[in-house]
Protein backbone atom coordinates (compact mmCIF):
# COMPACT_ATOMS: atom_id res chain seq x y z
CA MET A 1 0.00 0.00 0.00
CA HIS A 2 1.50 3.29 -1.07
CA MET A 3 1.38 6.02 1.60
CA HIS A 4 1.08 9.65 0.67
CA GLY A 5 2.07 12.59 2.82
CA PRO A 6 -0.40 15.40 3.58
CA VAL A 7 -1.55 17.25 0.55
CA ASN A 8 -0.68 20.95 0.72
CA ALA A 9 -3.47 23.39 -0.08
CA PRO A 10 -2.87 25.37 -3.22
CA HIS A 11 -1.06 28.65 -2.66
CA ASP A 12 -3.60 31.48 -2.36
CA PRO A 13 -1.93 34.93 -2.25
CA GLY A 14 -5.25 36.69 -1.65
CA ARG A 15 -6.06 34.62 1.44
CA ARG A 16 -2.58 35.09 2.83
CA LEU A 17 -2.82 38.85 2.36
CA ALA A 18 -6.22 38.89 4.09
CA HIS A 19 -4.60 37.39 7.20
CA VAL A 20 -1.53 39.59 7.15
CA LEU A 21 -3.19 42.91 6.29
CA PRO A 22 -4.85 43.54 9.71
CA VAL A 23 -1.52 42.95 11.43
CA LEU A 24 0.19 45.39 9.08
CA VAL A 25 -2.49 48.00 9.68
CA VAL A 26 -2.13 47.74 13.48
CA ALA A 27 1.67 47.85 13.22
CA TRP A 28 1.49 50.92 10.98
CA GLY A 29 -0.88 52.62 13.42
CA LEU A 30 1.48 51.99 16.31
CA LEU A 31 4.44 53.28 14.35
CA THR A 32 2.52 56.37 13.28
CA THR A 33 1.47 57.10 16.87
CA ALA A 34 5.03 56.57 18.09
CA ASP A 35 6.37 58.84 15.36
CA ALA A 36 3.86 61.54 16.30
CA ALA A 37 4.88 61.29 19.97
CA LEU A 38 8.54 61.48 19.07
CA ALA A 39 7.86 64.46 16.80
CA MET A 40 6.36 66.44 19.70
CA THR A 41 8.72 68.70 21.57
CA LYS A 42 8.94 68.38 25.34
CA GLU A 43 6.99 71.63 25.65
CA GLU A 44 4.20 70.26 23.44
CA ARG A 45 4.12 67.06 25.49
CA ARG A 46 3.90 69.15 28.64
CA LEU A 47 0.86 71.05 27.34
CA HIS A 48 -0.75 67.82 26.16
CA THR A 49 -0.25 66.28 29.61
CA CYS A 50 -1.72 69.37 31.31
CA GLY A 51 -4.89 68.84 29.30
CA GLU A 52 -5.03 65.15 30.24
CA VAL A 53 -4.59 65.91 33.96
CA MET A 54 -7.30 68.58 33.96
CA ALA A 55 -9.72 66.32 32.09
CA GLU A 56 -9.21 63.50 34.59
CA LEU A 57 -9.65 65.80 37.58
CA LEU A 58 -12.84 67.40 36.30
CA ALA A 59 -14.30 63.99 35.48
CA GLY A 60 -13.64 62.51 38.91
CA GLU A 61 -16.08 62.23 41.79
CA GLU A 62 -13.76 64.28 43.99
CA SER A 63 -13.00 67.34 41.93
CA ILE A 64 -12.59 71.09 41.96
CA PRO A 65 -15.95 72.66 42.89
CA ARG A 66 -17.49 74.19 39.79
CA ASP A 67 -18.47 77.37 41.65
CA LEU A 68 -14.81 77.94 42.45
CA LEU A 69 -13.75 77.23 38.90
CA ASP A 70 -16.31 79.80 37.73
CA LYS A 71 -14.79 82.37 40.10
CA ALA A 72 -11.19 81.60 39.19
CA GLU A 73 -9.32 84.10 37.04
CA CYS A 74 -6.61 81.62 36.04
CA VAL A 75 -5.89 77.89 36.30
CA ALA A 76 -2.38 76.45 36.49
CA VAL A 77 -1.68 72.75 35.94
CA ILE A 78 1.69 71.23 36.91
CA PRO A 79 1.80 67.51 36.09
CA SER A 80 4.06 64.98 37.79
CA VAL A 81 5.70 67.27 40.33
CA LYS A 82 8.52 65.28 41.88
CA LYS A 83 8.98 65.13 45.63
CA PHE A 84 12.35 64.10 46.90
CA ALA A 85 14.15 63.36 50.20
CA LEU A 86 12.76 62.46 53.59
CA GLY A 87 12.07 65.02 56.28
CA LEU A 88 13.25 68.30 54.80
CA GLY A 89 12.37 67.76 51.16
CA GLY A 90 11.49 69.67 48.04
CA ARG A 91 9.34 69.79 44.93
CA TRP A 92 10.05 70.33 41.26
CA GLY A 93 7.77 70.36 38.26
CA LYS A 94 6.85 72.21 35.09
CA GLY A 95 3.41 73.09 33.74
CA ALA A 96 1.34 75.91 32.31
CA VAL A 97 -1.18 78.52 33.40
CA VAL A 98 -4.25 79.72 31.46
CA CYS A 99 -6.18 82.89 32.29
CA ARG A 100 -9.48 84.37 31.23
CA THR A 101 -9.40 87.26 28.82
CA THR A 102 -12.45 89.48 28.27
CA ASP A 103 -14.89 86.58 28.05
CA ASP A 104 -12.84 83.50 27.16
CA TRP A 105 -9.83 81.43 28.17
CA GLY A 106 -6.61 82.52 26.51
CA PRO A 107 -3.34 80.81 25.53
CA PRO A 108 -1.06 79.27 28.16
CA LEU A 109 2.03 80.70 29.82
CA MET A 110 4.64 78.04 30.52
CA MET A 111 5.78 77.96 34.15
CA SER A 112 7.60 75.92 36.76
CA LEU A 113 7.04 75.19 40.44
CA GLY A 114 9.81 74.35 42.87
CA GLY A 115 11.13 75.01 46.33
CA GLY A 116 11.50 73.45 49.72
CA SER A 117 8.85 71.78 51.82
CA VAL A 118 8.94 70.53 55.37
CA GLY A 119 7.44 67.28 56.55
CA PHE A 120 7.64 63.56 55.93
CA GLN A 121 7.72 62.73 52.25
CA ILE A 122 8.19 59.56 50.26
CA GLY A 123 11.30 59.84 48.12
CA GLY A 124 10.56 59.99 44.41
CA GLN A 125 6.82 60.36 44.81
CA ALA A 126 5.15 62.41 42.07
CA ALA A 127 1.92 64.40 42.22
CA ASP A 128 -0.17 66.48 39.83
CA TYR A 129 -0.84 70.01 41.10
CA VAL A 130 -3.58 72.45 40.15
CA LEU A 131 -3.62 76.10 41.27
CA LEU A 132 -6.68 78.34 41.04
CA VAL A 133 -5.82 82.04 40.90
CA MET A 134 -8.85 83.67 42.44
CA ASN A 135 -8.42 87.44 42.01
CA PRO A 136 -6.54 90.17 40.15
CA ARG A 137 -3.95 90.34 42.92
CA GLY A 138 -3.04 86.73 42.19
CA ILE A 139 -2.65 87.58 38.50
CA GLU A 140 -0.22 90.35 39.42
CA TYR A 141 2.05 87.72 40.93
CA LEU A 142 1.82 85.58 37.80
CA LEU A 143 3.15 88.51 35.79
CA ARG A 144 6.30 88.56 37.88
CA SER A 145 9.27 86.48 36.78
CA LYS A 146 8.85 84.54 40.03
CA PHE A 147 7.03 84.63 43.36
CA THR A 148 6.73 82.51 46.50
CA LEU A 149 3.45 80.97 47.63
CA GLY A 150 2.66 81.97 51.18
CA ALA A 151 5.36 84.64 51.44
CA ASP A 152 4.15 86.72 48.47
CA ALA A 153 0.79 85.36 47.38
CA ALA A 154 -1.65 84.08 50.01
CA VAL A 155 -2.30 80.38 49.33
CA ALA A 156 -4.71 77.90 50.91
CA ALA A 157 -5.69 74.27 50.39
CA GLY A 158 -8.73 74.26 48.12
CA PRO A 159 -11.98 72.53 49.06
CA VAL A 160 -12.89 69.38 47.13
CA GLY A 161 -16.19 68.12 45.76
CA ARG A 162 -18.56 69.08 42.99
CA THR A 163 -20.68 71.15 45.37
CA GLY A 164 -17.94 72.35 47.72
CA SER A 165 -17.58 76.00 48.61
CA ALA A 166 -14.93 78.40 49.83
CA ALA A 167 -16.82 79.38 52.96
CA THR A 168 -13.93 79.94 55.36
CA ASP A 169 -12.28 83.34 55.72
CA LEU A 170 -8.93 81.82 54.79
CA ARG A 171 -10.20 80.47 51.51
CA MET A 172 -12.23 83.57 50.73
CA HIS A 173 -9.16 85.77 51.16
CA ALA A 174 -6.61 83.46 49.55
CA GLU A 175 -5.26 84.67 46.25
CA ILE A 176 -4.46 81.11 45.19
CA LEU A 177 -6.15 77.79 46.04
CA SER A 178 -4.02 74.69 45.59
CA TYR A 179 -4.79 71.03 44.93
CA SER A 180 -2.82 67.83 44.44
CA ARG A 181 -3.47 64.36 43.10
CA THR A 182 -1.25 61.48 44.12
CA ARG A 183 -1.96 57.88 43.11
CA GLY A 184 -5.56 58.76 42.26
CA LEU A 185 -6.25 60.62 45.53
CA PHE A 186 -7.33 64.23 44.94
CA ALA A 187 -7.22 66.75 47.78
CA GLY A 188 -6.52 70.33 48.70
CA ILE A 189 -2.94 70.89 49.81
CA SER A 190 -0.95 73.80 51.16
CA LEU A 191 2.01 74.74 48.99
CA GLU A 192 3.51 77.44 51.18
CA GLY A 193 7.16 77.99 50.38
CA ALA A 194 6.92 76.76 46.79
CA VAL A 195 8.34 79.13 44.18
CA VAL A 196 6.44 79.77 40.93
CA LYS A 197 8.54 80.95 37.97
CA GLN A 198 7.86 81.88 34.38
CA ASP A 199 9.59 79.43 32.04
CA ASP A 200 10.98 81.89 29.50
CA ASP A 201 12.82 79.34 27.39
CA ALA A 202 9.77 77.07 27.09
CA ASN A 203 7.54 80.02 26.19
CA GLU A 204 9.91 81.06 23.41
CA LYS A 205 9.93 77.52 22.03
CA VAL A 206 6.14 77.29 22.09
CA TYR A 207 5.45 80.70 20.50
CA GLY A 208 8.63 81.21 18.51
CA VAL A 209 9.35 84.58 20.13
CA ARG A 210 9.99 86.04 23.56
CA VAL A 211 6.50 86.55 24.93
CA ASP A 212 4.98 89.44 26.86
CA PRO A 213 3.32 87.65 29.83
CA GLU A 214 0.65 90.33 30.32
CA LYS A 215 -0.28 90.38 26.64
CA LEU A 216 -0.29 86.57 26.58
CA LEU A 217 -2.40 85.97 29.67
CA LEU A 218 -4.79 88.90 29.69
CA GLN A 219 -5.10 90.27 26.18
CA ALA A 220 -5.08 87.11 24.06
CA GLY A 221 -2.40 88.65 21.89
CA TYR A 222 -1.12 85.21 20.94
CA ARG A 223 -2.84 82.25 19.29
CA VAL A 224 -3.54 79.12 21.32
CA PRO A 225 -0.91 76.57 20.19
CA PRO A 226 -2.33 73.28 18.85
CA SER A 227 -0.83 71.28 21.72
CA ALA A 228 -2.73 73.47 24.24
CA ARG A 229 -6.13 73.37 22.56
CA ALA A 230 -7.31 70.37 24.57
CA LEU A 231 -6.59 72.19 27.84
CA VAL A 232 -8.10 75.51 26.73
CA ASP A 233 -11.18 73.89 25.14
CA LEU A 234 -11.74 71.86 28.30
CA LEU A 235 -11.79 75.02 30.42
CA ARG A 236 -14.07 76.72 27.90
CA GLY A 237 -16.52 73.86 28.19
CA ALA A 238 -16.32 73.48 31.97
CA SER A 239 -16.48 77.19 32.80
CA PRO A 240 -17.37 79.23 29.73
CA ARG A 241 -18.38 82.46 31.38
CA LYS A 242 -16.34 85.35 32.67
CA ALA A 243 -15.06 85.00 36.22
CA VAL A 244 -17.57 86.38 38.71
CA ASP A 245 -16.88 88.45 41.79
């Protein structure tokens, strides 16, 4: 009896391509996304991350009270602020601040936050920070090249919750309310002693020129860069009206 080996199916190029094509499409998509990420400058990635952080905070159960957001003149977002050392420690991070113009949210000013902090800290821990600038006096500090929270601008831990309110005298008179999110936990936090600085180099890279901070923040003299549109559009949707007294 003559034995035959298995009979191979006839070669079908079309069928083979049908199996391979989806894999190629996915691979191309991943490469395209990776290329786009690599093509972004670090300043563009920073603005993109600021938008992501703000979107996550506003969508959470524990969030910035909307009545406070409606009263805020400016909102600063500083993602992934690094804490270091134990005991006497410090903070360092870079972000951006967006202010209302006549009746809208304007383009961002790049900024950094750093400085010492006292108290027990976990080395290497990172947190996202959000600052609400509540009045024109707070804006005056933003227009400086740098200022210190607590020493220059009055700062207080902001209340949390969709229906929270700034009922205490401290919060009502604070020029800046501060928040942090660490490992998913969102809360008001005091940032006394932290130094806020304008990031001149980053601003020049984003806008292509040395910017005038007052014209940028208050007069909308510059266009919103594409990488900041998610952040600005989010604020426009969440709090579209002019800050109220």
